[in-house]
């Protein structure tokens, strides 16, 4: 069997947030998928709810299709933020503080991120 017969690229035409919803439907809404540094677990449904709650707040101050800079420590908060932005049609732009201000300043400018 040829690879093209196994993979239909049209089936992959979905958003990242839709893939999260599909995974929730496939594996169960209550399945624990994430745990923060305090050992507090999040299920698919917890993640979706948190993403909608945060996403509404971010959507109120940004535009659809806008790049939004995200510089958070490795935590469940960054995962929630990532999906919140996708849920409302924003583009998460992940920034790493270890790059240093010297490298981040031109990057933020080049990406057209609003820093106000």
PDB file of N, CA and C in Angstrom:
ATOM      1  N   UNK A   1       0.843  -1.176   0.000  1.00  0.00           N
ATOM      2  CA  UNK A   1       0.000   0.000   0.000  1.00  0.00           C
ATOM      3  C   UNK A   1       0.892   1.244   0.000  1.00  0.00           C
ATOM      4  N   UNK A   2       0.562   2.195  -0.820  1.00  0.00           N
ATOM      5  CA  UNK A   2       1.325   3.433  -0.952  1.00  0.00           C
ATOM      6  C   UNK A   2       0.917   4.414   0.145  1.00  0.00           C
ATOM      7  N   UNK A   3       1.868   5.246   0.591  1.00  0.00           N
ATOM      8  CA  UNK A   3       1.609   6.208   1.648  1.00  0.00           C
ATOM      9  C   UNK A   3       0.432   7.120   1.316  1.00  0.00           C
ATOM     10  N   UNK A   4       0.301   7.530   0.064  1.00  0.00           N
ATOM     11  CA  UNK A   4      -0.796   8.423  -0.317  1.00  0.00           C
ATOM     12  C   UNK A   4      -2.158   7.770  -0.114  1.00  0.00           C
ATOM     13  N   UNK A   5      -2.184   6.449  -0.073  1.00  0.00           N
ATOM     14  CA  UNK A   5      -3.441   5.755   0.185  1.00  0.00           C
ATOM     15  C   UNK A   5      -3.754   5.695   1.677  1.00  0.00           C
ATOM     16  N   UNK A   6      -2.745   5.880   2.516  1.00  0.00           N
ATOM     17  CA  UNK A   6      -2.941   5.831   3.957  1.00  0.00           C
ATOM     18  C   UNK A   6      -3.272   7.197   4.556  1.00  0.00           C
ATOM     19  N   UNK A   7      -2.784   8.248   3.929  1.00  0.00           N
ATOM     20  CA  UNK A   7      -2.943   9.580   4.487  1.00  0.00           C
ATOM     21  C   UNK A   7      -3.723  10.462   3.526  1.00  0.00           C
ATOM     22  N   UNK A   8      -4.831  10.986   3.997  1.00  0.00           N
ATOM     23  CA  UNK A   8      -5.635  11.918   3.208  1.00  0.00           C
ATOM     24  C   UNK A   8      -5.375  13.317   3.758  1.00  0.00           C
ATOM     25  N   UNK A   9      -4.645  14.168   3.032  1.00  0.00           N
ATOM     26  CA  UNK A   9      -4.309  15.492   3.556  1.00  0.00           C
ATOM     27  C   UNK A   9      -5.539  16.355   3.827  1.00  0.00           C
ATOM     28  N   UNK A  10      -6.652  16.075   3.159  1.00  0.00           N
ATOM     29  CA  UNK A  10      -7.863  16.848   3.423  1.00  0.00           C
ATOM     30  C   UNK A  10      -8.359  16.632   4.845  1.00  0.00           C
ATOM     31  N   UNK A  11      -8.081  15.468   5.414  1.00  0.00           N
ATOM     32  CA  UNK A  11      -8.494  15.182   6.787  1.00  0.00           C
ATOM     33  C   UNK A  11      -7.711  16.019   7.791  1.00  0.00           C
ATOM     34  N   UNK A  12      -6.568  16.530   7.385  1.00  0.00           N
ATOM     35  CA  UNK A  12      -5.737  17.338   8.269  1.00  0.00           C
ATOM     36  C   UNK A  12      -6.095  18.819   8.195  1.00  0.00           C
ATOM     37  N   UNK A  13      -7.045  19.186   7.385  1.00  0.00           N
ATOM     38  CA  UNK A  13      -7.439  20.580   7.233  1.00  0.00           C
ATOM     39  C   UNK A  13      -8.392  20.980   8.353  1.00  0.00           C
ATOM     40  N   UNK A  14      -7.809  21.223   9.501  1.00  0.00           N
ATOM     41  CA  UNK A  14      -8.570  21.673  10.650  1.00  0.00           C
ATOM     42  C   UNK A  14      -7.658  22.546  11.492  1.00  0.00           C
ATOM     43  N   UNK A  15      -8.253  23.337  12.336  1.00  0.00           N
ATOM     44  CA  UNK A  15      -7.454  24.217  13.180  1.00  0.00           C
ATOM     45  C   UNK A  15      -6.838  23.424  14.327  1.00  0.00           C
ATOM     46  N   UNK A  16      -5.867  24.023  14.961  1.00  0.00           N
ATOM     47  CA  UNK A  16      -5.251  23.405  16.132  1.00  0.00           C
ATOM     48  C   UNK A  16      -6.296  23.236  17.232  1.00  0.00           C
ATOM     49  N   UNK A  17      -7.159  24.242  17.390  1.00  0.00           N
ATOM     50  CA  UNK A  17      -8.182  24.139  18.418  1.00  0.00           C
ATOM     51  C   UNK A  17      -9.188  23.039  18.079  1.00  0.00           C
ATOM     52  N   UNK A  18      -9.530  22.902  16.804  1.00  0.00           N
ATOM     53  CA  UNK A  18     -10.427  21.818  16.409  1.00  0.00           C
ATOM     54  C   UNK A  18      -9.790  20.460  16.684  1.00  0.00           C
ATOM     55  N   UNK A  19      -8.482  20.346  16.500  1.00  0.00           N
ATOM     56  CA  UNK A  19      -7.789  19.095  16.811  1.00  0.00           C
ATOM     57  C   UNK A  19      -7.893  18.787  18.306  1.00  0.00           C
ATOM     58  N   UNK A  20      -7.826  19.820  19.157  1.00  0.00           N
ATOM     59  CA  UNK A  20      -8.006  19.616  20.594  1.00  0.00           C
ATOM     60  C   UNK A  20      -9.416  19.104  20.879  1.00  0.00           C
ATOM     61  N   UNK A  21     -10.416  19.706  20.253  1.00  0.00           N
ATOM     62  CA  UNK A  21     -11.804  19.256  20.453  1.00  0.00           C
ATOM     63  C   UNK A  21     -12.008  17.833  19.942  1.00  0.00           C
ATOM     64  N   UNK A  22     -11.379  17.519  18.820  1.00  0.00           N
ATOM     65  CA  UNK A  22     -11.469  16.151  18.279  1.00  0.00           C
ATOM     66  C   UNK A  22     -10.830  15.141  19.239  1.00  0.00           C
ATOM     67  N   UNK A  23      -9.687  15.516  19.820  1.00  0.00           N
ATOM     68  CA  UNK A  23      -9.015  14.628  20.775  1.00  0.00           C
ATOM     69  C   UNK A  23      -9.887  14.427  22.012  1.00  0.00           C
ATOM     70  N   UNK A  24     -10.552  15.495  22.451  1.00  0.00           N
ATOM     71  CA  UNK A  24     -11.450  15.378  23.603  1.00  0.00           C
ATOM     72  C   UNK A  24     -12.577  14.397  23.302  1.00  0.00           C
ATOM     73  N   UNK A  25     -13.131  14.484  22.099  1.00  0.00           N
ATOM     74  CA  UNK A  25     -14.207  13.572  21.708  1.00  0.00           C
ATOM     75  C   UNK A  25     -13.691  12.133  21.602  1.00  0.00           C
ATOM     76  N   UNK A  26     -12.480  11.982  21.116  1.00  0.00           N
ATOM     77  CA  UNK A  26     -11.930  10.644  20.901  1.00  0.00           C
ATOM     78  C   UNK A  26     -11.502   9.957  22.199  1.00  0.00           C
ATOM     79  N   UNK A  27     -10.845  10.720  23.097  1.00  0.00           N
ATOM     80  CA  UNK A  27     -10.247  10.106  24.284  1.00  0.00           C
ATOM     81  C   UNK A  27     -11.046  10.319  25.569  1.00  0.00           C
ATOM     82  N   UNK A  28     -12.045  11.182  25.508  1.00  0.00           N
ATOM     83  CA  UNK A  28     -12.882  11.406  26.689  1.00  0.00           C
ATOM     84  C   UNK A  28     -12.645  12.765  27.310  1.00  0.00           C
ATOM     85  N   UNK A  29     -13.734  13.481  27.544  1.00  0.00           N
ATOM     86  CA  UNK A  29     -13.674  14.847  28.065  1.00  0.00           C
ATOM     87  C   UNK A  29     -12.997  14.930  29.423  1.00  0.00           C
ATOM     88  N   UNK A  30     -13.117  13.875  30.221  1.00  0.00           N
ATOM     89  CA  UNK A  30     -12.576  13.908  31.584  1.00  0.00           C
ATOM     90  C   UNK A  30     -11.145  13.373  31.688  1.00  0.00           C
ATOM     91  N   UNK A  31     -10.589  12.944  30.569  1.00  0.00           N
ATOM     92  CA  UNK A  31      -9.217  12.402  30.586  1.00  0.00           C
ATOM     93  C   UNK A  31      -8.236  13.497  30.982  1.00  0.00           C
ATOM     94  N   UNK A  32      -7.395  13.194  31.952  1.00  0.00           N
ATOM     95  CA  UNK A  32      -6.384  14.146  32.397  1.00  0.00           C
ATOM     96  C   UNK A  32      -5.251  14.189  31.371  1.00  0.00           C
ATOM     97  N   UNK A  33      -4.917  15.397  30.940  1.00  0.00           N
ATOM     98  CA  UNK A  33      -3.920  15.532  29.872  1.00  0.00           C
ATOM     99  C   UNK A  33      -2.767  16.458  30.227  1.00  0.00           C
ATOM    100  N   UNK A  34      -2.900  17.185  31.327  1.00  0.00           N
ATOM    101  CA  UNK A  34      -1.908  18.205  31.641  1.00  0.00           C
ATOM    102  C   UNK A  34      -1.829  18.352  33.156  1.00  0.00           C
ATOM    103  N   UNK A  35      -0.637  18.624  33.640  1.00  0.00           N
ATOM    104  CA  UNK A  35      -0.467  18.827  35.079  1.00  0.00           C
ATOM    105  C   UNK A  35       0.496  19.987  35.278  1.00  0.00           C
ATOM    106  N   UNK A  36       0.134  20.909  36.163  1.00  0.00           N
ATOM    107  CA  UNK A  36       1.019  22.053  36.395  1.00  0.00           C
ATOM    108  C   UNK A  36       2.070  21.717  37.455  1.00  0.00           C
ATOM    109  N   UNK A  37       2.921  22.700  37.755  1.00  0.00           N
ATOM    110  CA  UNK A  37       4.026  22.447  38.673  1.00  0.00           C
ATOM    111  C   UNK A  37       3.556  22.164  40.101  1.00  0.00           C
ATOM    112  N   UNK A  38       2.309  22.524  40.425  1.00  0.00           N
ATOM    113  CA  UNK A  38       1.742  22.223  41.739  1.00  0.00           C
ATOM    114  C   UNK A  38       0.988  20.895  41.751  1.00  0.00           C
ATOM    115  N   UNK A  39       1.122  20.150  40.661  1.00  0.00           N
ATOM    116  CA  UNK A  39       0.497  18.828  40.503  1.00  0.00           C
ATOM    117  C   UNK A  39      -1.025  18.911  40.380  1.00  0.00           C
ATOM    118  N   UNK A  40      -1.540  20.040  39.879  1.00  0.00           N
ATOM    119  CA  UNK A  40      -2.971  20.184  39.634  1.00  0.00           C
ATOM    120  C   UNK A  40      -3.252  19.734  38.208  1.00  0.00           C
ATOM    121  N   UNK A  41      -3.993  18.639  38.054  1.00  0.00           N
ATOM    122  CA  UNK A  41      -4.243  18.121  36.702  1.00  0.00           C
ATOM    123  C   UNK A  41      -5.367  18.879  35.995  1.00  0.00           C
ATOM    124  N   UNK A  42      -5.282  18.895  34.671  1.00  0.00           N
ATOM    125  CA  UNK A  42      -6.339  19.462  33.825  1.00  0.00           C
ATOM    126  C   UNK A  42      -6.806  18.383  32.860  1.00  0.00           C
ATOM    127  N   UNK A  43      -8.099  18.294  32.705  1.00  0.00           N
ATOM    128  CA  UNK A  43      -8.683  17.382  31.714  1.00  0.00           C
ATOM    129  C   UNK A  43      -8.858  18.144  30.405  1.00  0.00           C
ATOM    130  N   UNK A  44      -9.252  17.411  29.373  1.00  0.00           N
ATOM    131  CA  UNK A  44      -9.566  18.082  28.109  1.00  0.00           C
ATOM    132  C   UNK A  44     -10.590  19.187  28.332  1.00  0.00           C
ATOM    133  N   UNK A  45     -11.647  18.875  29.078  1.00  0.00           N
ATOM    134  CA  UNK A  45     -12.696  19.867  29.301  1.00  0.00           C
ATOM    135  C   UNK A  45     -12.175  21.054  30.103  1.00  0.00           C
ATOM    136  N   UNK A  46     -11.343  20.814  31.108  1.00  0.00           N
ATOM    137  CA  UNK A  46     -10.754  21.918  31.875  1.00  0.00           C
ATOM    138  C   UNK A  46      -9.949  22.833  30.959  1.00  0.00           C
ATOM    139  N   UNK A  47      -9.164  22.232  30.081  1.00  0.00           N
ATOM    140  CA  UNK A  47      -8.346  23.016  29.162  1.00  0.00           C
ATOM    141  C   UNK A  47      -9.209  23.823  28.206  1.00  0.00           C
ATOM    142  N   UNK A  48     -10.239  23.212  27.654  1.00  0.00           N
ATOM    143  CA  UNK A  48     -11.128  23.918  26.723  1.00  0.00           C
ATOM    144  C   UNK A  48     -11.833  25.074  27.434  1.00  0.00           C
ATOM    145  N   UNK A  49     -12.354  24.829  28.621  1.00  0.00           N
ATOM    146  CA  UNK A  49     -13.030  25.894  29.387  1.00  0.00           C
ATOM    147  C   UNK A  49     -12.086  27.046  29.692  1.00  0.00           C
ATOM    148  N   UNK A  50     -10.896  26.716  30.153  1.00  0.00           N
ATOM    149  CA  UNK A  50      -9.916  27.757  30.476  1.00  0.00           C
ATOM    150  C   UNK A  50      -9.519  28.539  29.228  1.00  0.00           C
ATOM    151  N   UNK A  51      -9.373  27.837  28.108  1.00  0.00           N
ATOM    152  CA  UNK A  51      -9.008  28.499  26.850  1.00  0.00           C
ATOM    153  C   UNK A  51     -10.102  29.470  26.413  1.00  0.00           C
ATOM    154  N   UNK A  52     -11.361  29.072  26.540  1.00  0.00           N
ATOM    155  CA  UNK A  52     -12.455  29.978  26.176  1.00  0.00           C
ATOM    156  C   UNK A  52     -12.508  31.182  27.116  1.00  0.00           C
ATOM    157  N   UNK A  53     -12.326  30.958  28.398  1.00  0.00           N
ATOM    158  CA  UNK A  53     -12.370  32.058  29.362  1.00  0.00           C
ATOM    159  C   UNK A  53     -11.264  33.075  29.089  1.00  0.00           C
ATOM    160  N   UNK A  54     -10.036  32.592  28.944  1.00  0.00           N
ATOM    161  CA  UNK A  54      -8.919  33.494  28.668  1.00  0.00           C
ATOM    162  C   UNK A  54      -9.020  34.076  27.263  1.00  0.00           C
ATOM    163  N   UNK A  55      -9.413  33.253  26.316  1.00  0.00           N
ATOM    164  CA  UNK A  55      -9.518  33.711  24.931  1.00  0.00           C
ATOM    165  C   UNK A  55     -10.480  34.868  24.752  1.00  0.00           C
ATOM    166  N   UNK A  56     -11.595  34.853  25.483  1.00  0.00           N
ATOM    167  CA  UNK A  56     -12.555  35.969  25.400  1.00  0.00           C
ATOM    168  C   UNK A  56     -11.903  37.273  25.849  1.00  0.00           C
ATOM    169  N   UNK A  57     -11.120  37.201  26.905  1.00  0.00           N
ATOM    170  CA  UNK A  57     -10.431  38.405  27.416  1.00  0.00           C
ATOM    171  C   UNK A  57      -9.411  38.921  26.394  1.00  0.00           C
ATOM    172  N   UNK A  58      -8.643  38.003  25.824  1.00  0.00           N
ATOM    173  CA  UNK A  58      -7.626  38.407  24.845  1.00  0.00           C
ATOM    174  C   UNK A  58      -8.294  38.920  23.564  1.00  0.00           C
ATOM    175  N   UNK A  59      -9.378  38.277  23.152  1.00  0.00           N
ATOM    176  CA  UNK A  59     -10.086  38.693  21.930  1.00  0.00           C
ATOM    177  C   UNK A  59     -10.630  40.114  22.044  1.00  0.00           C
ATOM    178  N   UNK A  60     -10.950  40.532  23.267  1.00  0.00           N
ATOM    179  CA  UNK A  60     -11.494  41.876  23.473  1.00  0.00           C
ATOM    180  C   UNK A  60     -10.460  42.970  23.218  1.00  0.00           C
ATOM    181  N   UNK A  61      -9.179  42.623  23.273  1.00  0.00           N
ATOM    182  CA  UNK A  61      -8.130  43.640  23.108  1.00  0.00           C
ATOM    183  C   UNK A  61      -7.232  43.387  21.901  1.00  0.00           C
ATOM    184  N   UNK A  62      -7.582  42.403  21.086  1.00  0.00           N
ATOM    185  CA  UNK A  62      -6.804  42.079  19.883  1.00  0.00           C
ATOM    186  C   UNK A  62      -7.752  41.894  18.705  1.00  0.00           C
ATOM    187  N   UNK A  63      -7.177  41.762  17.533  1.00  0.00           N
ATOM    188  CA  UNK A  63      -7.951  41.584  16.310  1.00  0.00           C
ATOM    189  C   UNK A  63      -7.787  40.161  15.778  1.00  0.00           C
ATOM    190  N   UNK A  64      -8.808  39.640  15.085  1.00  0.00           N
ATOM    191  CA  UNK A  64      -8.652  38.324  14.446  1.00  0.00           C
ATOM    192  C   UNK A  64      -7.438  38.319  13.512  1.00  0.00           C
ATOM    193  N   UNK A  65      -6.667  37.252  13.581  1.00  0.00           N
ATOM    194  CA  UNK A  65      -5.482  37.125  12.740  1.00  0.00           C
ATOM    195  C   UNK A  65      -4.257  37.851  13.275  1.00  0.00           C
ATOM    196  N   UNK A  66      -4.408  38.567  14.373  1.00  0.00           N
ATOM    197  CA  UNK A  66      -3.281  39.308  14.949  1.00  0.00           C
ATOM    198  C   UNK A  66      -2.295  38.363  15.613  1.00  0.00           C
ATOM    199  N   UNK A  67      -1.005  38.668  15.460  1.00  0.00           N
ATOM    200  CA  UNK A  67       0.029  37.929  16.185  1.00  0.00           C
ATOM    201  C   UNK A  67       0.058  38.443  17.613  1.00  0.00           C
ATOM    202  N   UNK A  68       0.063  37.523  18.556  1.00  0.00           N
ATOM    203  CA  UNK A  68       0.096  37.891  19.973  1.00  0.00           C
ATOM    204  C   UNK A  68       1.312  37.225  20.599  1.00  0.00           C
ATOM    205  N   UNK A  69       2.203  38.052  21.131  1.00  0.00           N
ATOM    206  CA  UNK A  69       3.406  37.537  21.769  1.00  0.00           C
ATOM    207  C   UNK A  69       3.088  36.859  23.082  1.00  0.00           C
ATOM    208  N   UNK A  70       3.691  35.705  23.295  1.00  0.00           N
ATOM    209  CA  UNK A  70       3.498  34.943  24.533  1.00  0.00           C
ATOM    210  C   UNK A  70       4.880  34.639  25.108  1.00  0.00           C
ATOM    211  N   UNK A  71       5.117  35.168  26.308  1.00  0.00           N
ATOM    212  CA  UNK A  71       6.370  34.881  27.000  1.00  0.00           C
ATOM    213  C   UNK A  71       6.007  34.491  28.431  1.00  0.00           C
ATOM    214  N   UNK A  72       5.818  33.217  28.610  1.00  0.00           N
ATOM    215  CA  UNK A  72       5.440  32.659  29.906  1.00  0.00           C
ATOM    216  C   UNK A  72       6.378  31.508  30.237  1.00  0.00           C
ATOM    217  N   UNK A  73       6.519  31.208  31.532  1.00  0.00           N
ATOM    218  CA  UNK A  73       7.333  30.045  31.882  1.00  0.00           C
ATOM    219  C   UNK A  73       6.645  28.758  31.446  1.00  0.00           C
ATOM    220  N   UNK A  74       7.407  27.704  31.329  1.00  0.00           N
ATOM    221  CA  UNK A  74       6.851  26.402  30.970  1.00  0.00           C
ATOM    222  C   UNK A  74       5.872  25.989  32.062  1.00  0.00           C
ATOM    223  N   UNK A  75       4.591  26.020  31.744  1.00  0.00           N
ATOM    224  CA  UNK A  75       3.554  25.720  32.721  1.00  0.00           C
ATOM    225  C   UNK A  75       2.248  25.422  31.989  1.00  0.00           C
ATOM    226  N   UNK A  76       1.239  25.049  32.751  1.00  0.00           N
ATOM    227  CA  UNK A  76      -0.066  24.831  32.132  1.00  0.00           C
ATOM    228  C   UNK A  76      -0.633  26.149  31.610  1.00  0.00           C
ATOM    229  N   UNK A  77      -0.222  27.266  32.205  1.00  0.00           N
ATOM    230  CA  UNK A  77      -0.701  28.573  31.751  1.00  0.00           C
ATOM    231  C   UNK A  77      -0.320  28.842  30.295  1.00  0.00           C
ATOM    232  N   UNK A  78       0.859  28.434  29.897  1.00  0.00           N
ATOM    233  CA  UNK A  78       1.268  28.663  28.513  1.00  0.00           C
ATOM    234  C   UNK A  78       0.447  27.790  27.564  1.00  0.00           C
ATOM    235  N   UNK A  79       0.082  26.595  27.986  1.00  0.00           N
ATOM    236  CA  UNK A  79      -0.742  25.713  27.151  1.00  0.00           C
ATOM    237  C   UNK A  79      -2.139  26.303  27.006  1.00  0.00           C
ATOM    238  N   UNK A  80      -2.706  26.778  28.109  1.00  0.00           N
ATOM    239  CA  UNK A  80      -4.032  27.408  28.066  1.00  0.00           C
ATOM    240  C   UNK A  80      -3.992  28.633  27.156  1.00  0.00           C
ATOM    241  N   UNK A  81      -2.973  29.454  27.293  1.00  0.00           N
ATOM    242  CA  UNK A  81      -2.836  30.661  26.470  1.00  0.00           C
ATOM    243  C   UNK A  81      -2.709  30.304  24.995  1.00  0.00           C
ATOM    244  N   UNK A  82      -1.901  29.315  24.687  1.00  0.00           N
ATOM    245  CA  UNK A  82      -1.715  28.865  23.307  1.00  0.00           C
ATOM    246  C   UNK A  82      -3.057  28.483  22.678  1.00  0.00           C
ATOM    247  N   UNK A  83      -3.841  27.659  23.376  1.00  0.00           N
ATOM    248  CA  UNK A  83      -5.131  27.234  22.839  1.00  0.00           C
ATOM    249  C   UNK A  83      -6.159  28.359  22.876  1.00  0.00           C
ATOM    250  N   UNK A  84      -6.071  29.258  23.857  1.00  0.00           N
ATOM    251  CA  UNK A  84      -6.981  30.406  23.918  1.00  0.00           C
ATOM    252  C   UNK A  84      -6.824  31.275  22.674  1.00  0.00           C
ATOM    253  N   UNK A  85      -5.591  31.511  22.289  1.00  0.00           N
ATOM    254  CA  UNK A  85      -5.336  32.323  21.095  1.00  0.00           C
ATOM    255  C   UNK A  85      -5.858  31.631  19.844  1.00  0.00           C
ATOM    256  N   UNK A  86      -5.611  30.352  19.721  1.00  0.00           N
ATOM    257  CA  UNK A  86      -6.111  29.608  18.564  1.00  0.00           C
ATOM    258  C   UNK A  86      -7.631  29.574  18.523  1.00  0.00           C
ATOM    259  N   UNK A  87      -8.265  29.445  19.685  1.00  0.00           N
ATOM    260  CA  UNK A  87      -9.727  29.357  19.742  1.00  0.00           C
ATOM    261  C   UNK A  87     -10.390  30.605  19.183  1.00  0.00           C
ATOM    262  N   UNK A  88      -9.724  31.744  19.302  1.00  0.00           N
ATOM    263  CA  UNK A  88     -10.312  33.003  18.863  1.00  0.00           C
ATOM    264  C   UNK A  88      -9.610  33.586  17.639  1.00  0.00           C
ATOM    265  N   UNK A  89      -8.902  32.735  16.915  1.00  0.00           N
ATOM    266  CA  UNK A  89      -8.329  33.158  15.641  1.00  0.00           C
ATOM    267  C   UNK A  89      -7.154  34.101  15.739  1.00  0.00           C
ATOM    268  N   UNK A  90      -6.453  34.064  16.858  1.00  0.00           N
ATOM    269  CA  UNK A  90      -5.228  34.854  16.990  1.00  0.00           C
ATOM    270  C   UNK A  90      -4.045  33.928  16.745  1.00  0.00           C
ATOM    271  N   UNK A  91      -2.885  34.525  16.460  1.00  0.00           N
ATOM    272  CA  UNK A  91      -1.693  33.732  16.147  1.00  0.00           C
ATOM    273  C   UNK A  91      -0.721  33.805  17.317  1.00  0.00           C
ATOM    274  N   UNK A  92      -0.574  32.704  18.063  1.00  0.00           N
ATOM    275  CA  UNK A  92       0.393  32.732  19.167  1.00  0.00           C
ATOM    276  C   UNK A  92       1.813  32.834  18.636  1.00  0.00           C
ATOM    277  N   UNK A  93       2.534  33.779  19.169  1.00  0.00           N
ATOM    278  CA  UNK A  93       3.930  33.978  18.795  1.00  0.00           C
ATOM    279  C   UNK A  93       4.750  33.731  20.051  1.00  0.00           C
ATOM    280  N   UNK A  94       5.318  32.548  20.124  1.00  0.00           N
ATOM    281  CA  UNK A  94       6.002  32.120  21.334  1.00  0.00           C
ATOM    282  C   UNK A  94       7.380  32.771  21.413  1.00  0.00           C
ATOM    283  N   UNK A  95       7.610  33.472  22.506  1.00  0.00           N
ATOM    284  CA  UNK A  95       8.871  34.169  22.729  1.00  0.00           C
ATOM    285  C   UNK A  95       9.593  33.526  23.908  1.00  0.00           C
ATOM    286  N   UNK A  96      10.899  33.390  23.796  1.00  0.00           N
ATOM    287  CA  UNK A  96      11.684  32.752  24.848  1.00  0.00           C
ATOM    288  C   UNK A  96      12.567  33.807  25.508  1.00  0.00           C
ATOM    289  N   UNK A  97      12.369  34.007  26.815  1.00  0.00           N
ATOM    290  CA  UNK A  97      13.124  35.036  27.525  1.00  0.00           C
ATOM    291  C   UNK A  97      14.624  34.791  27.497  1.00  0.00           C
ATOM    292  N   UNK A  98      15.037  33.543  27.321  1.00  0.00           N
ATOM    293  CA  UNK A  98      16.472  33.263  27.302  1.00  0.00           C
ATOM    294  C   UNK A  98      17.147  33.814  26.044  1.00  0.00           C
ATOM    295  N   UNK A  99      16.342  34.252  25.085  1.00  0.00           N
ATOM    296  CA  UNK A  99      16.913  34.890  23.893  1.00  0.00           C
ATOM    297  C   UNK A  99      17.548  36.229  24.236  1.00  0.00           C
ATOM    298  N   UNK A 100      17.084  36.832  25.320  1.00  0.00           N
ATOM    299  CA  UNK A 100      17.626  38.113  25.758  1.00  0.00           C
ATOM    300  C   UNK A 100      16.976  39.278  25.049  1.00  0.00           C
ATOM    301  N   UNK A 101      16.952  40.409  25.729  1.00  0.00           N
ATOM    302  CA  UNK A 101      16.298  41.612  25.214  1.00  0.00           C
ATOM    303  C   UNK A 101      16.933  42.085  23.907  1.00  0.00           C
ATOM    304  N   UNK A 102      18.235  41.899  23.780  1.00  0.00           N
ATOM    305  CA  UNK A 102      18.947  42.320  22.568  1.00  0.00           C
ATOM    306  C   UNK A 102      18.386  41.624  21.320  1.00  0.00           C
ATOM    307  N   UNK A 103      17.995  40.365  21.465  1.00  0.00           N
ATOM    308  CA  UNK A 103      17.444  39.615  20.344  1.00  0.00           C
ATOM    309  C   UNK A 103      15.923  39.731  20.256  1.00  0.00           C
ATOM    310  N   UNK A 104      15.257  39.911  21.392  1.00  0.00           N
ATOM    311  CA  UNK A 104      13.806  39.991  21.379  1.00  0.00           C
ATOM    312  C   UNK A 104      13.281  41.305  20.789  1.00  0.00           C
ATOM    313  N   UNK A 105      13.959  42.411  21.066  1.00  0.00           N
ATOM    314  CA  UNK A 105      13.493  43.712  20.550  1.00  0.00           C
ATOM    315  C   UNK A 105      13.329  43.708  19.029  1.00  0.00           C
ATOM    316  N   UNK A 106      14.358  43.340  18.264  1.00  0.00           N
ATOM    317  CA  UNK A 106      14.168  43.348  16.809  1.00  0.00           C
ATOM    318  C   UNK A 106      13.143  42.308  16.348  1.00  0.00           C
ATOM    319  N   UNK A 107      13.065  41.196  17.040  1.00  0.00           N
ATOM    320  CA  UNK A 107      12.095  40.169  16.676  1.00  0.00           C
ATOM    321  C   UNK A 107      10.675  40.682  16.855  1.00  0.00           C
ATOM    322  N   UNK A 108      10.404  41.306  17.988  1.00  0.00           N
ATOM    323  CA  UNK A 108       9.069  41.869  18.255  1.00  0.00           C
ATOM    324  C   UNK A 108       8.726  42.907  17.190  1.00  0.00           C
ATOM    325  N   UNK A 109       9.676  43.723  16.833  1.00  0.00           N
ATOM    326  CA  UNK A 109       9.460  44.727  15.797  1.00  0.00           C
ATOM    327  C   UNK A 109       9.201  44.072  14.443  1.00  0.00           C
ATOM    328  N   UNK A 110      10.022  43.111  14.085  1.00  0.00           N
ATOM    329  CA  UNK A 110       9.891  42.421  12.795  1.00  0.00           C
ATOM    330  C   UNK A 110       8.540  41.711  12.689  1.00  0.00           C
ATOM    331  N   UNK A 111       8.077  41.119  13.794  1.00  0.00           N
ATOM    332  CA  UNK A 111       6.792  40.410  13.791  1.00  0.00           C
ATOM    333  C   UNK A 111       5.609  41.370  13.835  1.00  0.00           C
ATOM    334  N   UNK A 112       5.853  42.633  14.158  1.00  0.00           N
ATOM    335  CA  UNK A 112       4.775  43.604  14.237  1.00  0.00           C
ATOM    336  C   UNK A 112       3.915  43.434  15.473  1.00  0.00           C
ATOM    337  N   UNK A 113       4.523  42.980  16.565  1.00  0.00           N
ATOM    338  CA  UNK A 113       3.768  42.794  17.794  1.00  0.00           C
ATOM    339  C   UNK A 113       3.543  44.138  18.463  1.00  0.00           C
ATOM    340  N   UNK A 114       2.337  44.327  18.978  1.00  0.00           N
ATOM    341  CA  UNK A 114       1.997  45.549  19.706  1.00  0.00           C
ATOM    342  C   UNK A 114       2.528  45.413  21.119  1.00  0.00           C
ATOM    343  N   UNK A 115       3.320  46.349  21.577  1.00  0.00           N
ATOM    344  CA  UNK A 115       3.904  46.262  22.912  1.00  0.00           C
ATOM    345  C   UNK A 115       3.269  47.240  23.885  1.00  0.00           C
ATOM    346  N   UNK A 116       2.158  47.833  23.505  1.00  0.00           N
ATOM    347  CA  UNK A 116       1.520  48.796  24.414  1.00  0.00           C
ATOM    348  C   UNK A 116       0.650  48.118  25.436  1.00  0.00           C
TER     349      UNK A 116
END
